[in-house]
Amino acid sequence: MHDAYQSNNLDQAASLGEVLIKEHTAQPTSPGLSNDLYNLALVYDELDRLDKAAALYTESIYYAPASDYEALAVRSMNLGGVLARMGGLEIAHHFYIQARHISKHYLGEHHQVYADALYNLANLVAQTNNTSTAQALHEEALAIREKSGNSADILNSLHSLAFIHEENGDYKKAASYGEAALAQATGTDYARACKYLAELYETTSQHKKALDMYTLVLDKISIIGCTTDDYMAILHRKENLATDANDTQLQANANALKGASQAINPQKLSANTKFTVKQNRHPLQL
């Protein structure tokens, strides 16, 4: 199952996982059952078969050793994430709180899992428009992650904080977090950070900064994950922005963007161009 999962052959991984679980049926207390249930839950989670994933996460918690605090915290988080996607925000909140409690008291306040619990809880709380609580949780998670040095986790926290401040109308703070993310990002993350800042600068009428950022986005269009039509729309909007700014240099930049856009090879990619706030999940357990 592990090899199939790692190669993204999820249907095969699910089939292999089901076989493993059946082998445990004769000995429900056999070693490895809890991990196999968790691994299969991850596969169904990825496949968006949420009912199956929720049931398997629940079983994996039930069979996990009472002293395996990391497993209990991680599985509670993952179960909460699935329940939230199913629309059960209240019960999801319960499991996120449980994950935070376990990780804080048994793993410690500097542990990666505790930071993940804070991050996931913050994202859930933000969905209820409780942005002040979400902000505080994200700030605590970021402080822990900055010490651990995991760049992907740090970027997720920076972008989440940028979104919260943007929603609250504090564009200066949002830009500061977005710029901090840009300074650390590479590859696809760099391109998407540029796009986020371009849109934010446009919103705040910082025309030159917006056009400069869109120029960087265009350089990375093949990896950012959007359709050509989306980018054509962006480029035309930037031409209008430059015209409104009544600035000859901005207009020249916009014309350059327009010319470059005509050379784009249309290709169908993911339409989601903005950073998505994703749940932090942990990999298969062997």
Protein backbone atom coordinates (compact mmCIF):
# COMPACT_ATOMS: atom_id res chain seq x y z
CA MET A 1 0.00 0.00 0.00
CA HIS A 2 2.82 2.39 0.86
CA ASP A 3 4.44 2.19 -2.59
CA ALA A 4 1.11 2.65 -4.35
CA TYR A 5 0.29 5.65 -2.17
CA GLN A 6 3.69 7.25 -2.75
CA SER A 7 3.28 6.83 -6.52
CA ASN A 8 -0.19 8.42 -6.27
CA ASN A 9 -1.93 5.24 -7.39
CA LEU A 10 -4.66 5.75 -4.83
CA ASP A 11 -7.18 3.23 -6.12
CA GLN A 12 -4.57 0.48 -5.93
CA ALA A 13 -3.49 1.68 -2.50
CA ALA A 14 -7.12 1.48 -1.32
CA SER A 15 -7.48 -2.09 -2.64
CA LEU A 16 -4.27 -3.19 -0.96
CA GLY A 17 -5.28 -1.49 2.25
CA GLU A 18 -8.62 -3.26 2.33
CA VAL A 19 -6.79 -6.59 1.99
CA LEU A 20 -4.55 -5.71 4.94
CA ILE A 21 -7.52 -4.82 7.11
CA LYS A 22 -9.24 -8.13 6.27
CA GLU A 23 -6.09 -9.96 7.32
CA HIS A 24 -6.39 -8.30 10.73
CA THR A 25 -10.02 -9.37 11.14
CA ALA A 26 -9.12 -12.70 12.71
CA GLN A 27 -6.90 -10.92 15.25
CA PRO A 28 -8.37 -7.48 15.92
CA THR A 29 -5.71 -6.77 18.54
CA SER A 30 -2.81 -7.67 16.27
CA PRO A 31 0.12 -5.22 16.06
CA GLY A 32 -0.11 -2.89 13.12
CA LEU A 33 -3.91 -2.77 12.89
CA SER A 34 -4.11 0.83 14.10
CA ASN A 35 -1.50 2.02 11.61
CA ASP A 36 -3.08 0.10 8.73
CA LEU A 37 -6.46 1.64 9.54
CA TYR A 38 -4.86 5.10 9.63
CA ASN A 39 -3.02 4.55 6.34
CA LEU A 40 -6.18 3.39 4.60
CA ALA A 41 -8.04 6.38 6.04
CA LEU A 42 -5.42 8.67 4.48
CA VAL A 43 -5.96 7.04 1.10
CA TYR A 44 -9.74 7.47 1.22
CA ASP A 45 -9.20 11.02 2.49
CA GLU A 46 -7.15 11.77 -0.64
CA LEU A 47 -9.84 10.15 -2.78
CA ASP A 48 -12.48 12.39 -1.13
CA ARG A 49 -14.40 9.35 0.05
CA LEU A 50 -15.08 11.14 3.28
CA ASP A 51 -17.49 8.71 4.95
CA LYS A 52 -14.95 5.89 4.63
CA ALA A 53 -12.09 8.11 5.74
CA ALA A 54 -13.98 9.31 8.83
CA ALA A 55 -14.90 5.78 9.87
CA LEU A 56 -11.33 4.53 9.44
CA TYR A 57 -9.77 7.48 11.29
CA THR A 58 -12.19 6.78 14.15
CA GLU A 59 -11.21 3.11 14.25
CA SER A 60 -7.51 3.97 14.09
CA ILE A 61 -7.95 6.18 17.17
CA TYR A 62 -9.81 3.41 18.98
CA TYR A 63 -7.09 0.83 18.36
CA ALA A 64 -4.12 3.15 18.90
CA PRO A 65 -2.07 2.50 22.07
CA ALA A 66 -3.18 4.86 24.83
CA SER A 67 0.41 6.02 25.27
CA ASP A 68 0.97 6.89 21.59
CA TYR A 69 0.10 10.53 22.06
CA GLU A 70 1.43 11.69 18.71
CA ALA A 71 -0.72 9.18 16.83
CA LEU A 72 -3.80 10.13 18.86
CA ALA A 73 -3.26 13.84 18.22
CA VAL A 74 -2.57 13.45 14.50
CA ARG A 75 -5.53 11.15 13.93
CA SER A 76 -7.84 13.45 15.85
CA MET A 77 -6.71 16.31 13.60
CA ASN A 78 -7.27 14.31 10.43
CA LEU A 79 -10.69 13.17 11.60
CA GLY A 80 -11.57 16.78 12.38
CA GLY A 81 -10.49 17.83 8.90
CA VAL A 82 -12.68 15.24 7.22
CA LEU A 83 -15.68 16.11 9.40
CA ALA A 84 -15.21 19.81 8.60
CA ARG A 85 -15.24 19.05 4.87
CA MET A 86 -18.45 17.10 5.43
CA GLY A 87 -19.99 20.21 7.00
CA GLY A 88 -19.78 19.13 10.63
CA LEU A 89 -17.89 22.15 11.93
CA GLU A 90 -18.99 21.71 15.54
CA ILE A 91 -17.86 18.10 15.87
CA ALA A 92 -14.72 18.92 13.86
CA HIS A 93 -13.96 21.65 16.40
CA HIS A 94 -14.20 19.04 19.18
CA PHE A 95 -11.55 16.84 17.57
CA TYR A 96 -9.26 19.77 16.82
CA ILE A 97 -9.49 20.85 20.45
CA GLN A 98 -8.73 17.27 21.48
CA ALA A 99 -5.65 17.22 19.22
CA ARG A 100 -4.44 20.51 20.67
CA HIS A 101 -4.90 19.27 24.24
CA ILE A 102 -3.09 15.97 23.66
CA SER A 103 -0.18 17.51 21.77
CA LYS A 104 0.27 20.39 24.19
CA HIS A 105 0.21 18.36 27.39
CA TYR A 106 1.97 15.18 26.25
CA LEU A 107 4.25 16.28 23.40
CA GLY A 108 5.05 19.82 24.48
CA GLU A 109 4.42 23.35 23.27
CA HIS A 110 7.37 23.31 20.86
CA HIS A 111 6.39 20.11 19.06
CA GLN A 112 5.52 20.14 15.36
CA VAL A 113 2.25 18.30 16.00
CA TYR A 114 1.18 20.97 18.48
CA ALA A 115 1.91 23.64 15.87
CA ASP A 116 -0.14 21.67 13.33
CA ALA A 117 -3.00 21.39 15.82
CA LEU A 118 -2.97 25.16 16.34
CA TYR A 119 -2.81 25.79 12.59
CA ASN A 120 -5.70 23.48 11.76
CA LEU A 121 -7.82 24.80 14.61
CA ALA A 122 -7.13 28.36 13.45
CA ASN A 123 -8.33 27.57 9.94
CA LEU A 124 -11.51 26.03 11.29
CA VAL A 125 -12.17 28.96 13.62
CA ALA A 126 -11.62 31.38 10.72
CA GLN A 127 -14.52 29.71 8.90
CA THR A 128 -16.80 30.89 11.70
CA ASN A 129 -15.58 34.48 11.20
CA ASN A 130 -13.84 34.50 14.57
CA THR A 131 -10.78 36.11 13.03
CA SER A 132 -9.25 37.43 16.26
CA THR A 133 -9.02 33.93 17.74
CA ALA A 134 -7.82 32.51 14.43
CA GLN A 135 -5.12 35.16 14.22
CA ALA A 136 -3.83 34.40 17.71
CA LEU A 137 -3.71 30.66 16.97
CA HIS A 138 -1.90 31.21 13.69
CA GLU A 139 0.64 33.52 15.33
CA GLU A 140 1.40 30.90 17.98
CA ALA A 141 1.75 28.20 15.32
CA LEU A 142 4.05 30.42 13.24
CA ALA A 143 6.33 31.11 16.20
CA ILE A 144 6.81 27.37 16.73
CA ARG A 145 7.29 26.65 13.04
CA GLU A 146 9.89 29.36 12.59
CA LYS A 147 12.02 27.61 15.18
CA SER A 148 11.61 24.22 13.48
CA GLY A 149 12.68 25.57 10.09
CA ASN A 150 10.10 23.66 8.00
CA SER A 151 9.70 26.08 5.09
CA ALA A 152 6.42 24.63 3.78
CA ASP A 153 4.76 24.95 7.19
CA ILE A 154 6.12 28.47 7.66
CA LEU A 155 4.74 29.54 4.27
CA ASN A 156 1.31 28.10 5.11
CA SER A 157 1.22 30.07 8.35
CA LEU A 158 2.41 33.30 6.70
CA HIS A 159 -0.23 33.07 3.99
CA SER A 160 -2.97 32.25 6.45
CA LEU A 161 -2.10 35.33 8.49
CA ALA A 162 -2.01 37.42 5.32
CA PHE A 163 -5.53 36.24 4.42
CA ILE A 164 -6.87 37.03 7.88
CA HIS A 165 -5.48 40.58 7.86
CA GLU A 166 -6.77 41.09 4.32
CA GLU A 167 -10.23 39.98 5.40
CA ASN A 168 -10.05 42.43 8.29
CA GLY A 169 -9.10 45.26 5.93
CA ASP A 170 -5.57 45.63 7.32
CA TYR A 171 -3.86 45.56 3.93
CA LYS A 172 -0.53 46.80 5.28
CA LYS A 173 -0.27 43.82 7.63
CA ALA A 174 -1.48 41.46 4.91
CA ALA A 175 1.23 42.75 2.58
CA SER A 176 3.91 42.34 5.25
CA TYR A 177 3.04 38.66 5.70
CA GLY A 178 2.73 38.15 1.95
CA GLU A 179 6.14 39.75 1.39
CA ALA A 180 7.67 37.61 4.15
CA ALA A 181 6.30 34.53 2.38
CA LEU A 182 7.64 35.71 -0.97
CA ALA A 183 11.12 36.15 0.51
CA GLN A 184 11.19 32.47 1.53
CA ALA A 185 9.25 30.86 -1.31
CA THR A 186 10.60 28.95 -4.31
CA GLY A 187 9.09 27.36 -7.41
CA THR A 188 5.32 27.15 -7.45
CA ASP A 189 5.08 28.75 -4.01
CA TYR A 190 7.06 31.75 -5.29
CA ALA A 191 4.78 32.19 -8.31
CA ARG A 192 1.64 32.01 -6.21
CA ALA A 193 3.07 34.39 -3.63
CA CYS A 194 3.73 36.87 -6.45
CA LYS A 195 0.15 36.51 -7.65
CA TYR A 196 -1.26 37.02 -4.17
CA LEU A 197 0.75 40.20 -3.71
CA ALA A 198 -0.14 41.45 -7.19
CA GLU A 199 -3.84 41.18 -6.39
CA LEU A 200 -3.34 42.77 -2.99
CA TYR A 201 -1.33 45.66 -4.45
CA GLU A 202 -4.01 46.17 -7.08
CA THR A 203 -6.68 46.31 -4.39
CA THR A 204 -4.71 49.03 -2.59
CA SER A 205 -3.99 50.96 -5.82
CA GLN A 206 -0.25 50.32 -5.70
CA HIS A 207 -0.17 50.09 -9.46
CA LYS A 208 3.53 49.80 -10.17
CA LYS A 209 4.02 47.11 -7.52
CA ALA A 210 1.05 45.20 -8.91
CA LEU A 211 2.37 45.27 -12.46
CA ASP A 212 5.85 44.28 -11.32
CA MET A 213 4.40 41.30 -9.46
CA TYR A 214 2.30 40.24 -12.45
CA THR A 215 5.44 40.35 -14.59
CA LEU A 216 7.01 37.84 -12.20
CA VAL A 217 3.84 35.75 -12.29
CA LEU A 218 3.97 35.64 -16.07
CA ASP A 219 7.53 34.31 -15.92
CA LYS A 220 6.23 31.39 -13.83
CA ILE A 221 2.94 30.79 -15.61
CA SER A 222 3.83 27.22 -16.55
CA ILE A 223 4.09 26.14 -12.90
CA ILE A 224 1.57 28.28 -11.02
CA GLY A 225 -1.40 26.07 -11.87
CA CYS A 226 -4.04 28.11 -13.71
CA THR A 227 -5.68 28.23 -17.12
CA THR A 228 -4.42 30.42 -19.92
CA ASP A 229 -7.82 32.12 -20.03
CA ASP A 230 -7.41 33.15 -16.40
CA TYR A 231 -4.10 34.77 -17.18
CA MET A 232 -5.34 36.51 -20.31
CA ALA A 233 -8.04 38.09 -18.14
CA ILE A 234 -5.41 39.18 -15.62
CA LEU A 235 -3.20 40.71 -18.28
CA HIS A 236 -6.04 42.68 -19.86
CA ARG A 237 -7.01 43.96 -16.42
CA LYS A 238 -3.43 45.12 -15.93
CA GLU A 239 -3.51 47.04 -19.19
CA ASN A 240 -6.55 48.95 -17.92
CA LEU A 241 -4.84 49.52 -14.58
CA ALA A 242 -1.80 51.04 -16.28
CA THR A 243 -4.01 53.27 -18.43
CA ASP A 244 -5.90 54.50 -15.40
CA ALA A 245 -2.61 55.28 -13.68
CA ASN A 246 -1.69 57.67 -16.52
CA ASP A 247 1.93 56.59 -16.27
CA THR A 248 3.94 56.02 -19.45
CA GLN A 249 6.29 53.51 -17.82
CA LEU A 250 3.37 51.53 -16.41
CA GLN A 251 1.75 51.57 -19.83
CA ALA A 252 4.96 50.27 -21.37
CA ASN A 253 5.04 47.48 -18.81
CA ALA A 254 1.43 46.62 -19.59
CA ASN A 255 2.14 46.55 -23.33
CA ALA A 256 5.04 44.20 -22.68
CA LEU A 257 2.73 41.94 -20.72
CA LYS A 258 0.20 42.02 -23.53
CA GLY A 259 2.83 41.01 -26.07
CA ALA A 260 4.11 38.23 -23.88
CA SER A 261 0.58 36.93 -23.31
CA GLN A 262 0.17 36.29 -27.02
CA ALA A 263 3.05 33.82 -26.88
CA ILE A 264 1.49 31.71 -24.14
CA ASN A 265 0.87 28.14 -25.19
CA PRO A 266 -2.70 27.40 -24.02
CA GLN A 267 -2.81 24.45 -21.66
CA LYS A 268 -5.45 23.26 -19.25
CA LEU A 269 -4.18 23.34 -15.70
CA SER A 270 -5.82 23.69 -12.31
CA ALA A 271 -8.04 26.77 -12.20
CA ASN A 272 -7.20 27.43 -8.56
CA THR A 273 -4.57 30.17 -8.63
CA LYS A 274 -4.85 31.48 -5.10
CA PHE A 275 -3.22 29.83 -2.14
CA THR A 276 -5.55 27.38 -0.50
CA VAL A 277 -5.49 26.99 3.24
CA LYS A 278 -4.94 23.29 3.65
CA GLN A 279 -5.06 20.98 6.59
CA ASN A 280 -1.69 19.76 7.81
CA ARG A 281 -1.72 15.97 7.59
CA HIS A 282 1.00 13.48 8.41
CA PRO A 283 2.23 10.73 6.06
CA LEU A 284 1.62 7.01 6.15
CA GLN A 285 2.84 5.21 9.23
CA LEU A 286 4.77 2.00 8.76
